Amino acid sequence: MIIYKDVITGDEMLTDCYKMTNSKCGLFYEVEGKTTIRSDTFDDSLIGANASAEEATESNDPGSVSGCDIVLNHNLQETSFNKKTYGLHLKDYVKAVKLHLEQTKPERVESFMASCKKEVKCILDNIGDFQFFTGPSMNPDGMVALLNYREDGSTPYMLFFKDGLEEEKC
């Protein structure tokens, strides 16, 4: 399995268990997820426990959480942006990734910067279609992954800056 971590924060953002493709310009990984519902309650029967008929038990209404499995599995935290604030975030983030690339993969800098101009404009033009997620640390300097839905309205996919991730095999 490959874990993809944010190069700025070290946060785990995703793994290779999802269907991943490159975006048109190669700036992003486009990762397809699934909408899921998870229960917050623990089922004692899974460990062989059996509640005694004589014992009074406390019961709460079972809670559940729903959302994109990528978000839930990696504890990504939702945040919000408008066009102006996301643009400001991107300026700083792109500079940080460019610096990282200059130090680790100088051959990628030129294509990264060229791809940014094309794809970032498309995102900013459609900013209202996206939800924004940071890593678990909620570090404002790190990657902000974008969540949108396919034309069917129910299949989620996320965009992650390809050059903002480092692979860790485990």
N, C-alpha and C. Protein backbone atom coordinates (compact mmCIF):
# COMPACT_ATOMS: atom_id res chain seq x y z
N MET A 1 0.84 -1.17 0.00
CA MET A 1 0.00 0.00 0.00
C MET A 1 0.89 1.24 0.00
N ILE A 2 0.43 2.25 -0.69
CA ILE A 2 1.15 3.52 -0.72
C ILE A 2 0.29 4.57 -0.02
N ILE A 3 0.90 5.27 0.91
CA ILE A 3 0.25 6.37 1.61
C ILE A 3 0.79 7.66 1.01
N TYR A 4 -0.11 8.58 0.71
CA TYR A 4 0.27 9.88 0.15
C TYR A 4 0.15 10.93 1.24
N LYS A 5 1.28 11.58 1.53
CA LYS A 5 1.33 12.58 2.59
C LYS A 5 1.60 13.96 2.02
N ASP A 6 1.02 14.96 2.66
CA ASP A 6 1.24 16.36 2.29
C ASP A 6 2.71 16.70 2.56
N VAL A 7 3.41 17.25 1.54
CA VAL A 7 4.82 17.57 1.70
C VAL A 7 5.05 18.74 2.65
N ILE A 8 4.03 19.56 2.88
CA ILE A 8 4.17 20.71 3.78
C ILE A 8 3.92 20.32 5.22
N THR A 9 2.84 19.58 5.48
CA THR A 9 2.43 19.28 6.85
C THR A 9 2.77 17.86 7.31
N GLY A 10 2.99 16.96 6.38
CA GLY A 10 3.19 15.55 6.73
C GLY A 10 1.89 14.81 6.99
N ASP A 11 0.75 15.47 6.82
CA ASP A 11 -0.55 14.82 7.02
C ASP A 11 -0.80 13.75 5.98
N GLU A 12 -1.36 12.61 6.41
CA GLU A 12 -1.80 11.58 5.47
C GLU A 12 -3.07 12.07 4.80
N MET A 13 -3.04 12.13 3.47
CA MET A 13 -4.18 12.66 2.72
C MET A 13 -4.99 11.56 2.03
N LEU A 14 -4.33 10.49 1.58
CA LEU A 14 -5.02 9.39 0.92
C LEU A 14 -4.08 8.22 0.76
N THR A 15 -4.63 7.10 0.28
CA THR A 15 -3.82 5.93 -0.05
C THR A 15 -4.14 5.50 -1.48
N ASP A 16 -3.41 4.51 -1.94
CA ASP A 16 -3.59 4.04 -3.31
C ASP A 16 -4.74 3.04 -3.47
N CYS A 17 -5.60 2.91 -2.46
CA CYS A 17 -6.72 1.96 -2.57
C CYS A 17 -7.88 2.53 -3.37
N TYR A 18 -7.78 3.77 -3.79
CA TYR A 18 -8.84 4.41 -4.57
C TYR A 18 -8.46 4.47 -6.05
N LYS A 19 -9.48 4.62 -6.89
CA LYS A 19 -9.24 4.80 -8.32
C LYS A 19 -8.66 6.20 -8.51
N MET A 20 -7.42 6.27 -9.02
CA MET A 20 -6.71 7.54 -9.20
C MET A 20 -6.34 7.73 -10.66
N THR A 21 -6.58 8.95 -11.16
CA THR A 21 -6.14 9.31 -12.50
C THR A 21 -5.50 10.69 -12.42
N ASN A 22 -4.73 11.02 -13.44
CA ASN A 22 -4.15 12.36 -13.53
C ASN A 22 -5.16 13.30 -14.17
N SER A 23 -5.19 14.54 -13.70
CA SER A 23 -6.05 15.54 -14.33
C SER A 23 -5.48 15.88 -15.71
N LYS A 24 -6.22 16.66 -16.48
CA LYS A 24 -5.85 16.97 -17.87
C LYS A 24 -4.42 17.50 -17.99
N CYS A 25 -4.07 18.46 -17.16
CA CYS A 25 -2.73 19.06 -17.24
C CYS A 25 -1.71 18.35 -16.35
N GLY A 26 -2.14 17.36 -15.60
CA GLY A 26 -1.22 16.61 -14.76
C GLY A 26 -0.92 17.27 -13.43
N LEU A 27 -1.65 18.33 -13.08
CA LEU A 27 -1.40 19.04 -11.81
C LEU A 27 -1.97 18.28 -10.63
N PHE A 28 -3.11 17.61 -10.83
CA PHE A 28 -3.82 16.95 -9.74
C PHE A 28 -3.92 15.45 -9.95
N TYR A 29 -4.03 14.73 -8.83
CA TYR A 29 -4.58 13.39 -8.86
C TYR A 29 -6.08 13.58 -8.71
N GLU A 30 -6.84 12.97 -9.57
CA GLU A 30 -8.29 12.95 -9.44
C GLU A 30 -8.63 11.59 -8.85
N VAL A 31 -9.18 11.59 -7.65
CA VAL A 31 -9.38 10.37 -6.88
C VAL A 31 -10.87 10.16 -6.67
N GLU A 32 -11.36 9.03 -7.15
CA GLU A 32 -12.79 8.75 -7.03
C GLU A 32 -13.09 8.03 -5.73
N GLY A 33 -14.08 8.54 -5.02
CA GLY A 33 -14.49 7.94 -3.76
C GLY A 33 -15.90 7.38 -3.85
N LYS A 34 -16.44 7.06 -2.69
CA LYS A 34 -17.81 6.58 -2.58
C LYS A 34 -18.47 7.29 -1.41
N THR A 35 -19.76 7.55 -1.55
CA THR A 35 -20.50 8.10 -0.44
C THR A 35 -20.86 6.95 0.48
N THR A 36 -20.61 7.14 1.77
CA THR A 36 -20.83 6.06 2.73
C THR A 36 -21.48 6.60 3.99
N ILE A 37 -22.11 5.71 4.73
CA ILE A 37 -22.69 6.04 6.03
C ILE A 37 -22.04 5.11 7.05
N ARG A 38 -21.56 5.69 8.13
CA ARG A 38 -20.92 4.90 9.18
C ARG A 38 -21.60 5.14 10.51
N SER A 39 -21.78 4.09 11.24
CA SER A 39 -22.40 4.18 12.55
C SER A 39 -21.34 4.53 13.58
N ASP A 40 -21.72 5.37 14.53
CA ASP A 40 -20.81 5.74 15.62
C ASP A 40 -20.87 4.76 16.78
N THR A 41 -21.79 3.82 16.75
CA THR A 41 -21.95 2.90 17.87
C THR A 41 -21.09 1.68 17.66
N PHE A 42 -20.72 1.05 18.76
CA PHE A 42 -19.91 -0.16 18.73
C PHE A 42 -20.82 -1.36 18.92
N ASP A 43 -20.71 -2.35 18.08
CA ASP A 43 -21.54 -3.54 18.15
C ASP A 43 -20.82 -4.59 18.99
N ASP A 44 -21.29 -4.82 20.23
CA ASP A 44 -20.67 -5.80 21.13
C ASP A 44 -20.67 -7.21 20.55
N SER A 45 -21.63 -7.51 19.70
CA SER A 45 -21.71 -8.86 19.15
C SER A 45 -20.50 -9.19 18.28
N LEU A 46 -19.80 -8.17 17.82
CA LEU A 46 -18.62 -8.41 16.99
C LEU A 46 -17.48 -9.05 17.78
N ILE A 47 -17.51 -8.89 19.10
CA ILE A 47 -16.46 -9.49 19.93
C ILE A 47 -17.01 -10.62 20.80
N GLY A 48 -18.21 -11.07 20.49
CA GLY A 48 -18.80 -12.19 21.21
C GLY A 48 -19.48 -11.81 22.50
N ALA A 49 -19.66 -10.54 22.76
CA ALA A 49 -20.31 -10.11 24.00
C ALA A 49 -21.81 -10.27 23.85
N ASN A 50 -22.46 -10.53 25.00
CA ASN A 50 -23.90 -10.70 25.01
C ASN A 50 -24.44 -9.97 26.22
N ALA A 51 -25.30 -8.99 25.99
CA ALA A 51 -25.85 -8.23 27.11
C ALA A 51 -26.75 -9.13 27.94
N SER A 52 -26.61 -9.04 29.25
CA SER A 52 -27.42 -9.84 30.15
C SER A 52 -28.84 -9.31 30.17
N ALA A 53 -29.80 -10.23 30.19
CA ALA A 53 -31.21 -9.84 30.23
C ALA A 53 -31.55 -9.19 31.56
N GLU A 54 -30.79 -9.51 32.61
CA GLU A 54 -31.07 -8.96 33.93
C GLU A 54 -30.42 -7.60 34.15
N GLU A 55 -29.44 -7.31 33.36
CA GLU A 55 -28.66 -6.10 33.54
C GLU A 55 -29.30 -4.93 32.81
N ALA A 56 -29.47 -3.83 33.49
CA ALA A 56 -30.01 -2.63 32.83
C ALA A 56 -28.93 -2.03 31.95
N THR A 57 -29.29 -1.69 30.76
CA THR A 57 -28.31 -1.10 29.86
C THR A 57 -28.73 0.30 29.49
N GLU A 58 -27.74 1.14 29.32
CA GLU A 58 -28.01 2.48 28.84
C GLU A 58 -28.03 2.42 27.33
N SER A 59 -29.00 3.08 26.76
CA SER A 59 -29.02 3.07 25.30
C SER A 59 -29.23 4.48 24.78
N ASN A 60 -28.53 4.78 23.76
CA ASN A 60 -28.66 6.05 23.06
C ASN A 60 -29.09 5.75 21.65
N ASP A 61 -29.71 6.70 21.03
CA ASP A 61 -30.02 6.52 19.63
C ASP A 61 -28.71 6.39 18.87
N PRO A 62 -28.64 5.41 18.01
CA PRO A 62 -27.37 5.24 17.29
C PRO A 62 -27.06 6.46 16.43
N GLY A 63 -25.86 6.93 16.55
CA GLY A 63 -25.41 8.05 15.73
C GLY A 63 -24.73 7.53 14.49
N SER A 64 -24.71 8.33 13.49
CA SER A 64 -24.00 7.94 12.27
C SER A 64 -23.44 9.18 11.61
N VAL A 65 -22.48 8.92 10.75
CA VAL A 65 -21.87 9.99 9.99
C VAL A 65 -21.84 9.54 8.53
N SER A 66 -22.09 10.47 7.63
CA SER A 66 -22.05 10.11 6.22
C SER A 66 -21.15 11.08 5.48
N GLY A 67 -20.65 10.63 4.37
CA GLY A 67 -19.80 11.48 3.56
C GLY A 67 -18.94 10.66 2.63
N CYS A 68 -18.01 11.32 2.02
CA CYS A 68 -17.08 10.68 1.09
C CYS A 68 -16.10 9.80 1.88
N ASP A 69 -15.92 8.56 1.45
CA ASP A 69 -15.04 7.65 2.17
C ASP A 69 -13.60 8.15 2.26
N ILE A 70 -13.13 8.89 1.29
CA ILE A 70 -11.75 9.42 1.35
C ILE A 70 -11.63 10.37 2.54
N VAL A 71 -12.61 11.24 2.71
CA VAL A 71 -12.63 12.20 3.81
C VAL A 71 -12.69 11.47 5.14
N LEU A 72 -13.61 10.51 5.25
CA LEU A 72 -13.79 9.78 6.51
C LEU A 72 -12.59 8.91 6.86
N ASN A 73 -12.04 8.20 5.88
CA ASN A 73 -10.93 7.29 6.13
C ASN A 73 -9.65 8.00 6.54
N HIS A 74 -9.47 9.23 6.09
CA HIS A 74 -8.22 9.93 6.36
C HIS A 74 -8.39 11.13 7.29
N ASN A 75 -9.57 11.20 7.90
CA ASN A 75 -9.85 12.23 8.90
C ASN A 75 -9.58 13.64 8.35
N LEU A 76 -9.95 13.86 7.09
CA LEU A 76 -9.78 15.18 6.50
C LEU A 76 -10.80 16.12 7.12
N GLN A 77 -10.42 17.38 7.27
CA GLN A 77 -11.24 18.35 7.98
C GLN A 77 -11.77 19.40 7.00
N GLU A 78 -13.09 19.57 7.01
CA GLU A 78 -13.68 20.54 6.09
C GLU A 78 -13.38 21.97 6.53
N THR A 79 -13.13 22.80 5.56
CA THR A 79 -12.91 24.22 5.78
C THR A 79 -13.67 24.96 4.68
N SER A 80 -13.64 26.27 4.72
CA SER A 80 -14.37 26.99 3.68
C SER A 80 -13.52 28.11 3.10
N PHE A 81 -13.80 28.40 1.84
CA PHE A 81 -13.12 29.46 1.12
C PHE A 81 -14.13 30.11 0.17
N ASN A 82 -13.86 31.34 -0.17
CA ASN A 82 -14.51 31.95 -1.31
C ASN A 82 -13.43 32.13 -2.37
N LYS A 83 -13.79 32.69 -3.49
CA LYS A 83 -12.83 32.81 -4.60
C LYS A 83 -11.59 33.60 -4.17
N LYS A 84 -11.78 34.70 -3.46
CA LYS A 84 -10.66 35.55 -3.06
C LYS A 84 -9.75 34.85 -2.06
N THR A 85 -10.35 34.25 -1.01
CA THR A 85 -9.51 33.63 0.03
C THR A 85 -8.81 32.37 -0.48
N TYR A 86 -9.48 31.61 -1.36
CA TYR A 86 -8.82 30.44 -1.92
C TYR A 86 -7.67 30.86 -2.84
N GLY A 87 -7.88 31.91 -3.60
CA GLY A 87 -6.80 32.43 -4.45
C GLY A 87 -5.59 32.86 -3.64
N LEU A 88 -5.82 33.51 -2.51
CA LEU A 88 -4.72 33.92 -1.62
C LEU A 88 -4.02 32.70 -1.04
N HIS A 89 -4.80 31.70 -0.62
CA HIS A 89 -4.20 30.47 -0.10
C HIS A 89 -3.32 29.82 -1.17
N LEU A 90 -3.85 29.75 -2.39
CA LEU A 90 -3.11 29.09 -3.47
C LEU A 90 -1.79 29.78 -3.78
N LYS A 91 -1.75 31.10 -3.71
CA LYS A 91 -0.49 31.81 -3.97
C LYS A 91 0.60 31.31 -3.02
N ASP A 92 0.28 31.26 -1.74
CA ASP A 92 1.26 30.80 -0.75
C ASP A 92 1.56 29.32 -0.90
N TYR A 93 0.53 28.52 -1.15
CA TYR A 93 0.73 27.08 -1.27
C TYR A 93 1.58 26.73 -2.49
N VAL A 94 1.29 27.36 -3.61
CA VAL A 94 2.08 27.09 -4.83
C VAL A 94 3.54 27.49 -4.63
N LYS A 95 3.78 28.60 -3.95
CA LYS A 95 5.17 29.00 -3.64
C LYS A 95 5.86 27.94 -2.80
N ALA A 96 5.16 27.41 -1.80
CA ALA A 96 5.75 26.39 -0.91
C ALA A 96 6.04 25.10 -1.68
N VAL A 97 5.13 24.68 -2.54
CA VAL A 97 5.36 23.46 -3.32
C VAL A 97 6.48 23.69 -4.33
N LYS A 98 6.52 24.86 -4.94
CA LYS A 98 7.61 25.18 -5.88
C LYS A 98 8.96 25.09 -5.17
N LEU A 99 9.05 25.64 -3.98
CA LEU A 99 10.30 25.57 -3.20
C LEU A 99 10.66 24.11 -2.90
N HIS A 100 9.66 23.33 -2.52
CA HIS A 100 9.89 21.90 -2.25
C HIS A 100 10.41 21.20 -3.51
N LEU A 101 9.81 21.50 -4.66
CA LEU A 101 10.25 20.88 -5.91
C LEU A 101 11.66 21.32 -6.30
N GLU A 102 11.97 22.58 -6.08
CA GLU A 102 13.32 23.06 -6.40
C GLU A 102 14.37 22.29 -5.61
N GLN A 103 14.02 21.88 -4.40
CA GLN A 103 14.96 21.15 -3.55
C GLN A 103 14.98 19.65 -3.83
N THR A 104 13.84 19.09 -4.27
CA THR A 104 13.75 17.64 -4.41
C THR A 104 13.64 17.15 -5.85
N LYS A 105 12.94 17.87 -6.72
CA LYS A 105 12.72 17.46 -8.11
C LYS A 105 12.77 18.68 -9.02
N PRO A 106 13.93 19.29 -9.19
CA PRO A 106 14.01 20.52 -9.98
C PRO A 106 13.48 20.39 -11.41
N GLU A 107 13.51 19.18 -11.95
CA GLU A 107 13.01 18.97 -13.31
C GLU A 107 11.48 19.15 -13.41
N ARG A 108 10.78 19.13 -12.28
CA ARG A 108 9.31 19.25 -12.25
C ARG A 108 8.82 20.69 -12.11
N VAL A 109 9.69 21.62 -11.73
CA VAL A 109 9.27 22.98 -11.42
C VAL A 109 8.57 23.65 -12.59
N GLU A 110 9.17 23.60 -13.76
CA GLU A 110 8.62 24.30 -14.92
C GLU A 110 7.24 23.77 -15.30
N SER A 111 7.08 22.45 -15.37
CA SER A 111 5.78 21.90 -15.74
C SER A 111 4.74 22.12 -14.65
N PHE A 112 5.17 22.10 -13.39
CA PHE A 112 4.25 22.39 -12.28
C PHE A 112 3.69 23.81 -12.40
N MET A 113 4.56 24.76 -12.61
CA MET A 113 4.13 26.16 -12.69
C MET A 113 3.24 26.39 -13.93
N ALA A 114 3.56 25.76 -15.04
CA ALA A 114 2.74 25.91 -16.24
C ALA A 114 1.36 25.30 -16.05
N SER A 115 1.30 24.14 -15.40
CA SER A 115 0.02 23.48 -15.13
C SER A 115 -0.84 24.28 -14.17
N CYS A 116 -0.20 24.93 -13.21
CA CYS A 116 -0.94 25.73 -12.22
C CYS A 116 -1.78 26.80 -12.89
N LYS A 117 -1.20 27.49 -13.83
CA LYS A 117 -1.91 28.60 -14.48
C LYS A 117 -3.21 28.12 -15.14
N LYS A 118 -3.15 26.98 -15.82
CA LYS A 118 -4.31 26.48 -16.54
C LYS A 118 -5.38 25.92 -15.61
N GLU A 119 -5.00 25.01 -14.74
CA GLU A 119 -5.99 24.31 -13.93
C GLU A 119 -6.52 25.14 -12.77
N VAL A 120 -5.71 26.00 -12.19
CA VAL A 120 -6.17 26.83 -11.09
C VAL A 120 -7.23 27.81 -11.58
N LYS A 121 -7.06 28.33 -12.78
CA LYS A 121 -8.07 29.24 -13.34
C LYS A 121 -9.42 28.52 -13.47
N CYS A 122 -9.40 27.28 -13.93
CA CYS A 122 -10.62 26.50 -14.08
C CYS A 122 -11.29 26.28 -12.72
N ILE A 123 -10.50 25.99 -11.70
CA ILE A 123 -11.05 25.79 -10.35
C ILE A 123 -11.65 27.09 -9.83
N LEU A 124 -10.93 28.18 -9.96
CA LEU A 124 -11.44 29.46 -9.47
C LEU A 124 -12.72 29.88 -10.20
N ASP A 125 -12.82 29.56 -11.48
CA ASP A 125 -14.04 29.88 -12.24
C ASP A 125 -15.24 29.06 -11.78
N ASN A 126 -14.97 27.90 -11.15
CA ASN A 126 -16.04 27.01 -10.70
C ASN A 126 -15.99 26.79 -9.19
N ILE A 127 -15.53 27.78 -8.46
CA ILE A 127 -15.26 27.65 -7.02
C ILE A 127 -16.49 27.18 -6.24
N GLY A 128 -17.67 27.56 -6.67
CA GLY A 128 -18.89 27.18 -5.95
C GLY A 128 -19.23 25.70 -6.02
N ASP A 129 -18.59 24.96 -6.91
CA ASP A 129 -18.85 23.53 -7.06
C ASP A 129 -18.07 22.67 -6.07
N PHE A 130 -17.12 23.26 -5.36
CA PHE A 130 -16.19 22.48 -4.54
C PHE A 130 -16.42 22.65 -3.05
N GLN A 131 -16.08 21.57 -2.31
CA GLN A 131 -15.92 21.62 -0.87
C GLN A 131 -14.42 21.50 -0.64
N PHE A 132 -13.93 22.05 0.47
CA PHE A 132 -12.49 22.14 0.73
C PHE A 132 -12.14 21.36 2.00
N PHE A 133 -11.03 20.61 1.93
CA PHE A 133 -10.62 19.78 3.06
C PHE A 133 -9.12 19.89 3.29
N THR A 134 -8.76 20.09 4.56
CA THR A 134 -7.36 20.09 4.96
C THR A 134 -7.04 18.72 5.56
N GLY A 135 -5.77 18.52 5.85
CA GLY A 135 -5.37 17.30 6.53
C GLY A 135 -5.81 17.34 7.99
N PRO A 136 -5.61 16.25 8.71
CA PRO A 136 -6.05 16.16 10.11
C PRO A 136 -5.46 17.24 11.02
N SER A 137 -4.27 17.74 10.72
CA SER A 137 -3.66 18.76 11.58
C SER A 137 -4.32 20.13 11.41
N MET A 138 -5.09 20.28 10.33
CA MET A 138 -5.75 21.55 10.00
C MET A 138 -4.76 22.70 9.85
N ASN A 139 -3.54 22.38 9.45
CA ASN A 139 -2.51 23.38 9.25
C ASN A 139 -2.88 24.23 8.02
N PRO A 140 -3.06 25.54 8.20
CA PRO A 140 -3.49 26.39 7.09
C PRO A 140 -2.46 26.53 5.97
N ASP A 141 -1.22 26.13 6.23
CA ASP A 141 -0.19 26.23 5.20
C ASP A 141 -0.17 25.01 4.28
N GLY A 142 -0.86 23.94 4.67
CA GLY A 142 -0.82 22.70 3.92
C GLY A 142 -1.79 22.65 2.76
N MET A 143 -1.87 21.47 2.18
CA MET A 143 -2.73 21.23 1.03
C MET A 143 -4.19 21.35 1.42
N VAL A 144 -4.95 21.90 0.51
CA VAL A 144 -6.41 21.90 0.62
C VAL A 144 -6.92 21.06 -0.54
N ALA A 145 -7.46 19.89 -0.21
CA ALA A 145 -8.02 19.00 -1.22
C ALA A 145 -9.42 19.48 -1.59
N LEU A 146 -9.80 19.26 -2.83
CA LEU A 146 -11.08 19.72 -3.33
C LEU A 146 -12.01 18.53 -3.57
N LEU A 147 -13.26 18.66 -3.13
CA LEU A 147 -14.26 17.61 -3.32
C LEU A 147 -15.36 18.13 -4.24
N ASN A 148 -15.72 17.32 -5.21
CA ASN A 148 -16.82 17.64 -6.12
C ASN A 148 -17.53 16.32 -6.43
N TYR A 149 -18.60 16.39 -7.19
CA TYR A 149 -19.36 15.20 -7.57
C TYR A 149 -19.45 15.10 -9.09
N ARG A 150 -19.45 13.88 -9.58
CA ARG A 150 -19.59 13.62 -11.01
C ARG A 150 -20.96 14.09 -11.49
N GLU A 151 -21.16 14.01 -12.78
CA GLU A 151 -22.41 14.46 -13.39
C GLU A 151 -23.63 13.74 -12.83
N ASP A 152 -23.44 12.50 -12.31
CA ASP A 152 -24.57 11.76 -11.75
C ASP A 152 -25.05 12.34 -10.41
N GLY A 153 -24.25 13.25 -9.85
CA GLY A 153 -24.62 13.92 -8.61
C GLY A 153 -24.41 13.12 -7.35
N SER A 154 -23.96 11.87 -7.47
CA SER A 154 -23.77 11.05 -6.27
C SER A 154 -22.39 10.44 -6.12
N THR A 155 -21.57 10.48 -7.16
CA THR A 155 -20.22 9.91 -7.09
C THR A 155 -19.21 11.00 -6.77
N PRO A 156 -18.63 10.96 -5.56
CA PRO A 156 -17.67 12.00 -5.20
C PRO A 156 -16.29 11.73 -5.80
N TYR A 157 -15.60 12.81 -6.09
CA TYR A 157 -14.19 12.70 -6.46
C TYR A 157 -13.46 13.87 -5.82
N MET A 158 -12.17 13.65 -5.57
CA MET A 158 -11.36 14.68 -4.93
C MET A 158 -10.14 14.98 -5.78
N LEU A 159 -9.70 16.23 -5.71
CA LEU A 159 -8.49 16.67 -6.39
C LEU A 159 -7.41 16.95 -5.36
N PHE A 160 -6.23 16.36 -5.55
CA PHE A 160 -5.08 16.55 -4.69
C PHE A 160 -3.91 17.02 -5.56
N PHE A 161 -3.22 18.06 -5.15
CA PHE A 161 -2.04 18.52 -5.89
C PHE A 161 -1.02 17.39 -5.92
N LYS A 162 -0.76 16.88 -7.10
CA LYS A 162 0.15 15.76 -7.29
C LYS A 162 1.54 16.05 -6.72
N ASP A 163 2.06 17.24 -7.01
CA ASP A 163 3.40 17.58 -6.55
C ASP A 163 3.43 18.01 -5.08
N GLY A 164 2.28 18.11 -4.46
CA GLY A 164 2.19 18.44 -3.04
C GLY A 164 2.11 17.20 -2.17
N LEU A 165 2.27 16.03 -2.79
CA LEU A 165 2.21 14.77 -2.06
C LEU A 165 3.52 14.01 -2.19
N GLU A 166 3.86 13.31 -1.13
CA GLU A 166 4.99 12.39 -1.20
C GLU A 166 4.48 11.00 -0.88
N GLU A 167 5.03 10.02 -1.56
CA GLU A 167 4.61 8.63 -1.40
C GLU A 167 5.41 7.95 -0.30
N GLU A 168 4.70 7.18 0.50
CA GLU A 168 5.34 6.38 1.54
C GLU A 168 4.80 4.96 1.43
N LYS A 169 5.68 4.01 1.15
CA LYS A 169 5.24 2.62 1.03
C LYS A 169 5.21 1.99 2.43
N CYS A 170 4.15 1.22 2.65
CA CYS A 170 4.08 0.52 3.94
C CYS A 170 3.64 -0.90 3.74
